[in-house]
Amino acid sequence: MFVCPNCTKRLSHSTGSGGPSWRCGSCGGIAFPLATLRKTQVPTATVDGLMERARAGEGWKGRFCPICANWMSGLPVPIENESVTIDVCASCQLFWFDPTEFERVLPAAPPTPIAAKPSPAPSGGASPPTVSSGATRLPLTVTSVDARAATVQEGIAGYEQEAKLQWWNYLSGFLGMPIEIRSPKRRKAPTATATLAAVIAGVSFSVYTLFPGIVGWLGFSPEFPFRFLGLTMITAFFLHGGLFHLLGNLYFLMTFGDNVEDFLGVRRFLLLIFGAAVFGNLLQFVANPGANMVIIGASGGIAGIVAFYGLQFRQARVAIFLLRIIPVKLKAFWALILWFGFQLAGTAAGWVNTDHTAYAAHLGGAATGLILWRLWRSH
């Protein structure tokens, strides 16, 4: 179900001669995909100009797209001595018009020619010539239809079919892992994600089994945050305290990292995960300055990946297990909100001193994911 960004009422899907659209029966706002809008009377130069400006990141960001839930760009369109602000989503190429805005951006209709007065019929009974006015092209009309199922399918066209939970999913859920049941379609293999996971596994397993004493040197310490010129903020990313710690982080990396890498590309993907790791460690230092502990693990960087995934792929769905037994299916965005709330509670309550989880580092990584998503969400 898609809702109006103006009054939050349900939108009605419609299909006209030019293509699909969505109208709000409450306030009268209407949304057009790019292909549909080009078939209306709105000048093509205006439509293409708005799309280019939205892709460039211009405009005011204050509304979510009703289709893909990404930020829309509010872009002014001059009309005579005033202007109207059209909201444009660069991600799914959707244009939202508040009530009366669509009509206002249409070009003024040409004046109707004044019909000449009929002259007296000439002798012989011939009819006088008639004056015909030019036909005026009418704006696209939209016929409301009840097509909720078709609307949902159009909104998730870039996603895989929702998978049914299998017995092994319940095992993962019992261990506290979310299950990805509807994921974005990938365009290429996640080579960077797989390679990074293999490097993390190899380094962590080697250090844990052969050189356990080196963890204290290469882990991040809030008491000495800038040891080795601050390199421990990176080296700590590759170290883990045990098999379950390692497998848990690799599970999150492989589950959510493949789609983020596919969307961002290798360079930005690596910048996101390592930037989140560094900023997460810095926030942990701010939250517990001088704490006599050593922080290791990739979870701060992976938190940035999880945050980016939940914000960019809002039509994705995951299953989490209530009390580790009862599966609850949620959109990725709402699962992210729940996860963020839990990390915030852990940071505020100081749980790091009891369960040895760096909650502030997770929050710092998630904040990095949010910031970079705002910059990169439409490439």
Protein backbone atom coordinates (compact mmCIF):
# COMPACT_ATOMS: atom_id res chain seq x y z
CA MET A 1 0.00 0.00 0.00
CA PHE A 2 1.40 3.39 -1.06
CA VAL A 3 0.46 6.50 0.89
CA CYS A 4 0.20 10.16 -0.04
CA PRO A 5 3.31 12.16 0.98
CA ASN A 6 1.04 15.16 1.54
CA CYS A 7 -1.76 13.79 3.76
CA THR A 8 -0.61 10.15 4.35
CA LYS A 9 -3.85 8.70 2.95
CA ARG A 10 -3.84 5.64 0.72
CA LEU A 11 -3.13 6.29 -2.97
CA SER A 12 -5.31 4.79 -5.70
CA HIS A 13 -3.54 3.16 -8.62
CA SER A 14 -4.78 4.22 -12.04
CA THR A 15 -3.98 3.28 -15.61
CA GLY A 16 -4.74 5.67 -18.45
CA SER A 17 -3.80 5.76 -22.12
CA GLY A 18 -0.37 7.17 -21.24
CA GLY A 19 0.53 4.71 -18.47
CA PRO A 20 0.16 4.22 -14.69
CA SER A 21 -0.27 6.93 -12.06
CA TRP A 22 -1.29 7.22 -8.42
CA ARG A 23 -3.89 9.66 -7.12
CA CYS A 24 -4.86 10.66 -3.59
CA GLY A 25 -8.63 10.66 -3.24
CA SER A 26 -8.39 12.75 -0.07
CA CYS A 27 -6.29 15.80 -1.07
CA GLY A 28 -6.20 15.41 -4.85
CA GLY A 29 -2.42 15.04 -5.23
CA ILE A 30 -1.14 12.82 -8.02
CA ALA A 31 2.07 10.96 -8.89
CA PHE A 32 3.33 10.19 -12.41
CA PRO A 33 6.26 8.00 -13.47
CA LEU A 34 8.62 9.70 -15.91
CA ALA A 35 7.32 7.77 -18.92
CA THR A 36 3.71 8.66 -18.12
CA LEU A 37 4.41 12.34 -17.48
CA ARG A 38 6.14 12.68 -20.86
CA LYS A 39 2.84 11.76 -22.53
CA THR A 40 0.93 14.60 -20.89
CA GLN A 41 0.87 18.26 -21.86
CA VAL A 42 3.70 19.14 -19.47
CA PRO A 43 6.58 20.37 -21.70
CA THR A 44 9.27 17.76 -22.24
CA ALA A 45 11.98 20.30 -21.46
CA THR A 46 10.41 20.92 -18.04
CA VAL A 47 10.14 17.19 -17.27
CA ASP A 48 13.72 16.36 -18.33
CA GLY A 49 15.11 19.43 -16.57
CA LEU A 50 13.47 18.45 -13.29
CA MET A 51 14.83 14.91 -13.54
CA GLU A 52 18.37 16.12 -14.24
CA ARG A 53 18.25 18.48 -11.25
CA ALA A 54 16.96 15.71 -8.99
CA ARG A 55 19.75 13.36 -10.09
CA ALA A 56 22.25 16.12 -9.35
CA GLY A 57 20.97 16.28 -5.77
CA GLU A 58 19.39 19.72 -6.03
CA GLY A 59 16.28 20.80 -4.18
CA TRP A 60 14.79 20.54 -0.74
CA LYS A 61 14.70 17.08 0.87
CA GLY A 62 11.63 16.82 3.06
CA ARG A 63 9.37 14.07 1.71
CA PHE A 64 9.66 10.35 1.14
CA CYS A 65 8.74 8.88 -2.24
CA PRO A 66 5.45 6.94 -1.95
CA ILE A 67 6.81 4.16 -4.18
CA CYS A 68 10.43 3.47 -3.11
CA ALA A 69 10.48 5.50 0.17
CA ASN A 70 13.69 7.36 -0.74
CA TRP A 71 13.99 11.13 -0.29
CA MET A 72 12.37 13.23 -3.01
CA SER A 73 13.83 16.52 -4.22
CA GLY A 74 11.53 19.54 -3.99
CA LEU A 75 12.32 21.58 -7.12
CA PRO A 76 10.75 24.97 -8.00
CA VAL A 77 9.19 25.46 -11.43
CA PRO A 78 8.64 29.13 -12.44
CA ILE A 79 5.15 29.97 -13.67
CA GLU A 80 4.60 33.56 -14.79
CA ASN A 81 5.24 35.68 -11.65
CA GLU A 82 5.37 32.78 -9.17
CA SER A 83 6.57 29.20 -8.91
CA VAL A 84 5.38 25.81 -7.76
CA THR A 85 7.53 23.16 -6.07
CA ILE A 86 7.41 19.71 -7.67
CA ASP A 87 8.74 16.71 -5.71
CA VAL A 88 10.89 14.39 -7.82
CA CYS A 89 12.35 11.00 -6.83
CA ALA A 90 15.61 10.38 -8.67
CA SER A 91 15.70 6.72 -7.57
CA CYS A 92 12.45 5.50 -9.17
CA GLN A 93 11.84 8.51 -11.48
CA LEU A 94 8.54 9.52 -9.91
CA PHE A 95 7.01 13.02 -9.98
CA TRP A 96 4.62 14.09 -7.23
CA PHE A 97 2.20 16.99 -7.73
CA ASP A 98 0.36 18.49 -4.76
CA PRO A 99 -3.29 19.51 -5.31
CA THR A 100 -3.67 21.88 -8.33
CA GLU A 101 0.10 21.78 -9.11
CA PHE A 102 -0.28 19.53 -12.14
CA GLU A 103 -2.84 21.83 -13.72
CA ARG A 104 -0.69 24.89 -12.99
CA VAL A 105 2.38 23.58 -14.82
CA LEU A 106 0.39 22.80 -17.97
CA PRO A 107 0.93 25.32 -20.77
CA ALA A 108 -1.80 27.89 -21.22
CA ALA A 109 -4.39 26.81 -23.75
CA PRO A 110 -4.40 28.89 -26.96
CA PRO A 111 -7.30 31.32 -27.29
CA THR A 112 -10.31 29.89 -29.07
CA PRO A 113 -10.78 31.53 -32.51
CA ILE A 114 -13.92 33.67 -32.85
CA ALA A 115 -16.20 32.12 -35.40
CA ALA A 116 -17.09 34.41 -38.29
CA LYS A 117 -20.70 35.41 -38.66
CA PRO A 118 -22.38 33.44 -41.41
CA SER A 119 -22.81 35.47 -44.53
CA PRO A 120 -26.02 35.39 -46.44
CA ALA A 121 -26.35 32.37 -48.61
CA PRO A 122 -25.40 33.19 -52.16
CA SER A 123 -27.85 32.75 -54.89
CA GLY A 124 -28.05 29.29 -56.25
CA GLY A 125 -28.46 27.66 -52.82
CA ALA A 126 -24.73 27.06 -52.06
CA SER A 127 -23.85 26.77 -48.38
CA PRO A 128 -21.55 29.44 -46.91
CA PRO A 129 -18.02 28.38 -45.80
CA THR A 130 -17.64 27.49 -42.15
CA VAL A 131 -14.77 28.35 -39.80
CA SER A 132 -13.47 25.41 -37.71
CA SER A 133 -11.47 25.97 -34.54
CA GLY A 134 -8.25 24.00 -34.00
CA ALA A 135 -8.55 20.91 -31.82
CA THR A 136 -6.92 21.40 -28.43
CA ARG A 137 -4.92 18.50 -26.91
CA LEU A 138 -6.42 17.68 -23.54
CA PRO A 139 -4.28 16.69 -20.59
CA LEU A 140 -4.04 13.04 -19.72
CA THR A 141 -7.11 11.77 -17.94
CA VAL A 142 -6.79 9.12 -15.26
CA THR A 143 -9.37 6.45 -14.70
CA SER A 144 -9.38 5.16 -11.12
CA VAL A 145 -9.32 1.38 -10.81
CA ASP A 146 -8.92 -1.01 -7.93
CA ALA A 147 -5.51 -2.48 -8.70
CA ARG A 148 -3.84 -2.88 -5.34
CA ALA A 149 -2.19 -6.16 -6.27
CA ALA A 150 -0.76 -4.69 -9.48
CA THR A 151 0.45 -1.63 -7.56
CA VAL A 152 2.36 -3.73 -5.03
CA GLN A 153 3.98 -5.76 -7.78
CA GLU A 154 5.09 -2.62 -9.62
CA GLY A 155 6.62 -1.22 -6.43
CA ILE A 156 8.73 -4.35 -5.83
CA ALA A 157 9.65 -5.06 -9.44
CA GLY A 158 13.35 -4.83 -8.58
CA TYR A 159 13.13 -7.44 -5.83
CA GLU A 160 13.13 -11.23 -5.68
CA GLN A 161 9.99 -13.15 -4.85
CA GLU A 162 9.43 -13.47 -1.12
CA ALA A 163 10.93 -16.75 0.09
CA LYS A 164 9.20 -19.10 2.50
CA LEU A 165 10.91 -19.84 5.78
CA GLN A 166 12.66 -23.22 5.91
CA TRP A 167 13.74 -25.27 8.90
CA TRP A 168 17.31 -23.92 8.77
CA ASN A 169 15.93 -20.38 8.91
CA TYR A 170 14.41 -21.20 12.29
CA LEU A 171 17.84 -22.35 13.46
CA SER A 172 19.37 -19.02 12.39
CA GLY A 173 16.47 -17.15 14.00
CA PHE A 174 16.99 -19.03 17.25
CA LEU A 175 20.60 -17.80 17.21
CA GLY A 176 19.32 -14.23 16.91
CA MET A 177 19.97 -13.72 13.18
CA PRO A 178 17.50 -11.91 10.86
CA ILE A 179 16.39 -13.80 7.76
CA GLU A 180 16.29 -12.02 4.39
CA ILE A 181 13.05 -13.19 2.78
CA ARG A 182 12.71 -10.61 -0.04
CA SER A 183 15.94 -9.14 -1.34
CA PRO A 184 16.85 -6.75 -4.16
CA LYS A 185 17.84 -8.37 -7.44
CA ARG A 186 21.60 -8.29 -8.01
CA ARG A 187 23.22 -7.33 -11.30
CA LYS A 188 26.61 -8.93 -10.61
CA ALA A 189 28.40 -11.25 -8.22
CA PRO A 190 29.42 -9.69 -4.86
CA THR A 191 33.15 -10.24 -5.33
CA ALA A 192 34.26 -7.52 -2.88
CA THR A 193 31.89 -8.77 -0.17
CA ALA A 194 33.03 -12.37 -0.57
CA THR A 195 36.71 -11.43 -0.67
CA LEU A 196 36.41 -9.22 2.41
CA ALA A 197 34.58 -12.01 4.27
CA ALA A 198 37.34 -14.49 3.38
CA VAL A 199 40.07 -12.08 4.53
CA ILE A 200 38.27 -11.42 7.84
CA ALA A 201 37.80 -15.15 8.42
CA GLY A 202 41.42 -15.96 7.57
CA VAL A 203 42.93 -13.22 9.73
CA SER A 204 40.60 -13.81 12.68
CA PHE A 205 41.07 -17.57 12.69
CA SER A 206 44.86 -17.31 12.32
CA VAL A 207 45.25 -14.77 15.10
CA TYR A 208 42.82 -16.53 17.44
CA THR A 209 44.53 -19.92 17.06
CA LEU A 210 48.20 -19.02 16.48
CA PHE A 211 48.83 -15.55 17.92
CA PRO A 212 46.16 -14.79 20.55
CA GLY A 213 48.44 -12.39 22.40
CA ILE A 214 48.56 -9.99 19.47
CA VAL A 215 44.89 -9.08 19.93
CA GLY A 216 45.76 -6.71 22.76
CA TRP A 217 48.16 -4.88 20.47
CA LEU A 218 46.03 -4.66 17.33
CA GLY A 219 42.64 -4.17 18.98
CA PHE A 220 41.18 -0.69 19.51
CA SER A 221 41.50 0.71 23.04
CA PRO A 222 39.45 3.75 24.14
CA GLU A 223 42.17 4.33 26.71
CA PHE A 224 44.78 4.77 23.95
CA PRO A 225 42.69 5.55 20.85
CA PHE A 226 45.52 6.76 18.62
CA ARG A 227 48.07 4.02 19.13
CA PHE A 228 50.13 3.25 16.04
CA LEU A 229 48.87 6.50 14.48
CA GLY A 230 45.30 5.33 14.88
CA LEU A 231 45.76 2.20 12.75
CA THR A 232 44.12 0.05 15.42
CA MET A 233 40.76 1.49 14.30
CA ILE A 234 41.30 -0.55 11.11
CA THR A 235 43.22 -3.58 12.39
CA ALA A 236 40.54 -4.21 15.04
CA PHE A 237 38.06 -4.69 12.17
CA PHE A 238 39.76 -7.96 11.15
CA LEU A 239 39.97 -9.49 14.64
CA HIS A 240 37.30 -11.50 16.48
CA GLY A 241 37.10 -12.99 19.91
CA GLY A 242 35.71 -16.39 19.02
CA LEU A 243 33.98 -18.53 16.44
CA PHE A 244 30.44 -17.34 17.20
CA HIS A 245 31.54 -13.68 17.12
CA LEU A 246 33.22 -14.27 13.75
CA LEU A 247 30.36 -16.24 12.16
CA GLY A 248 27.76 -13.73 13.34
CA ASN A 249 29.53 -10.80 11.69
CA LEU A 250 30.19 -12.78 8.51
CA TYR A 251 26.50 -13.69 8.34
CA PHE A 252 25.43 -10.03 8.48
CA LEU A 253 28.13 -9.05 5.97
CA MET A 254 27.15 -11.68 3.40
CA THR A 255 23.40 -11.23 3.92
CA PHE A 256 23.26 -7.45 3.46
CA GLY A 257 26.62 -6.54 1.94
CA ASP A 258 26.04 -8.16 -1.46
CA ASN A 259 23.13 -5.85 -2.34
CA VAL A 260 24.90 -2.75 -1.02
CA GLU A 261 28.01 -3.58 -3.06
CA ASP A 262 25.84 -4.19 -6.13
CA PHE A 263 24.26 -0.75 -5.72
CA LEU A 264 27.37 1.26 -4.80
CA GLY A 265 30.16 -0.50 -6.63
CA VAL A 266 33.36 -1.80 -5.06
CA ARG A 267 35.09 1.51 -4.28
CA ARG A 268 32.16 3.14 -2.48
CA PHE A 269 31.26 -0.12 -0.76
CA LEU A 270 34.73 -0.40 0.80
CA LEU A 271 34.73 3.29 1.70
CA LEU A 272 31.40 2.81 3.45
CA ILE A 273 32.38 -0.22 5.52
CA PHE A 274 35.81 1.03 6.60
CA GLY A 275 34.55 4.56 7.19
CA ALA A 276 31.83 3.13 9.41
CA ALA A 277 34.39 1.05 11.30
CA VAL A 278 36.60 4.08 12.01
CA PHE A 279 33.77 6.41 12.98
CA GLY A 280 32.21 3.67 15.11
CA ASN A 281 35.42 3.26 17.11
CA LEU A 282 35.69 7.03 17.53
CA LEU A 283 32.14 7.22 18.89
CA GLN A 284 32.89 4.36 21.29
CA PHE A 285 35.87 6.38 22.53
CA VAL A 286 33.63 9.43 23.03
CA ALA A 287 31.02 7.34 24.87
CA ASN A 288 33.58 5.59 27.13
CA PRO A 289 36.75 7.72 27.17
CA GLY A 290 39.61 6.07 28.95
CA ALA A 291 37.79 2.74 29.33
CA ASN A 292 40.19 -0.10 30.09
CA MET A 293 39.01 -2.46 27.34
CA VAL A 294 40.02 -3.69 23.90
CA ILE A 295 37.43 -3.55 21.11
CA ILE A 296 37.68 -5.99 18.22
CA GLY A 297 35.34 -7.09 15.46
CA ALA A 298 33.84 -5.90 12.18
CA SER A 299 30.42 -5.09 13.62
CA GLY A 300 30.91 -1.30 13.56
CA GLY A 301 31.66 -1.35 9.84
CA ILE A 302 28.89 -3.86 9.16
CA ALA A 303 26.46 -1.60 11.03
CA GLY A 304 27.08 0.98 8.31
CA ILE A 305 26.20 -1.64 5.68
CA VAL A 306 23.02 -2.63 7.54
CA ALA A 307 21.92 1.01 7.89
CA PHE A 308 22.52 1.72 4.19
CA TYR A 309 20.61 -1.44 3.23
CA GLY A 310 17.61 -0.58 5.41
CA LEU A 311 17.42 2.97 4.04
CA GLN A 312 18.02 2.20 0.36
CA PHE A 313 16.04 -1.05 -0.01
CA ARG A 314 12.89 -0.31 1.93
CA GLN A 315 10.78 -2.80 -0.02
CA ALA A 316 13.10 -5.62 1.09
CA ARG A 317 11.68 -7.80 3.86
CA VAL A 318 13.32 -9.66 6.71
CA ALA A 319 12.07 -12.02 9.37
CA ILE A 320 13.15 -11.62 12.97
CA PHE A 321 12.29 -14.11 15.66
CA LEU A 322 10.45 -12.84 18.72
CA LEU A 323 11.80 -14.59 21.82
CA ARG A 324 13.97 -16.42 19.25
CA ILE A 325 10.99 -18.65 18.41
CA ILE A 326 8.14 -16.69 16.77
CA PRO A 327 8.95 -15.31 13.28
CA VAL A 328 7.84 -11.73 12.62
CA LYS A 329 8.12 -10.39 9.05
CA LEU A 330 9.01 -6.71 8.63
CA LYS A 331 10.15 -4.34 5.92
CA ALA A 332 13.88 -3.76 6.13
CA PHE A 333 13.38 -0.12 7.15
CA TRP A 334 11.34 -1.02 10.25
CA ALA A 335 13.74 -3.80 11.19
CA LEU A 336 16.50 -1.17 11.03
CA ILE A 337 14.52 1.14 13.33
CA LEU A 338 14.11 -1.67 15.90
CA TRP A 339 17.79 -2.54 15.69
CA PHE A 340 18.79 1.13 16.06
CA GLY A 341 16.55 1.50 19.12
CA PHE A 342 18.17 -1.53 20.75
CA GLN A 343 21.68 -0.14 20.11
CA LEU A 344 20.63 3.25 21.50
CA ALA A 345 19.25 1.62 24.64
CA GLY A 346 22.44 -0.40 25.08
CA THR A 347 24.58 2.71 24.78
CA ALA A 348 22.45 4.74 27.18
CA ALA A 349 22.30 1.96 29.77
CA GLY A 350 26.01 1.23 29.60
CA TRP A 351 25.50 -2.43 28.73
CA VAL A 352 29.01 -2.53 27.26
CA ASN A 353 30.22 -3.04 30.82
CA THR A 354 28.05 -6.14 31.28
CA ASP A 355 27.77 -7.96 27.93
CA HIS A 356 30.97 -6.58 26.33
CA THR A 357 29.16 -5.31 23.20
CA ALA A 358 30.32 -1.99 21.77
CA TYR A 359 26.87 -0.47 21.23
CA ALA A 360 28.23 3.04 20.63
CA ALA A 361 30.48 1.67 17.87
CA HIS A 362 27.38 0.19 16.23
CA LEU A 363 25.63 3.56 16.43
CA GLY A 364 28.65 5.31 14.92
CA GLY A 365 28.75 2.82 12.06
CA ALA A 366 25.01 3.24 11.45
CA ALA A 367 25.39 7.03 11.46
CA THR A 368 28.07 6.72 8.79
CA GLY A 369 25.72 4.57 6.73
CA LEU A 370 23.00 7.21 7.05
CA ILE A 371 25.29 10.07 6.01
CA LEU A 372 26.68 8.24 2.99
CA TRP A 373 23.21 7.08 1.97
CA ARG A 374 22.10 10.72 1.86
CA LEU A 375 25.04 11.41 -0.47
CA TRP A 376 24.89 8.31 -2.64
CA ARG A 377 21.26 7.14 -2.62
CA SER A 378 20.73 8.15 -6.27
CA HIS A 379 24.36 7.57 -7.35
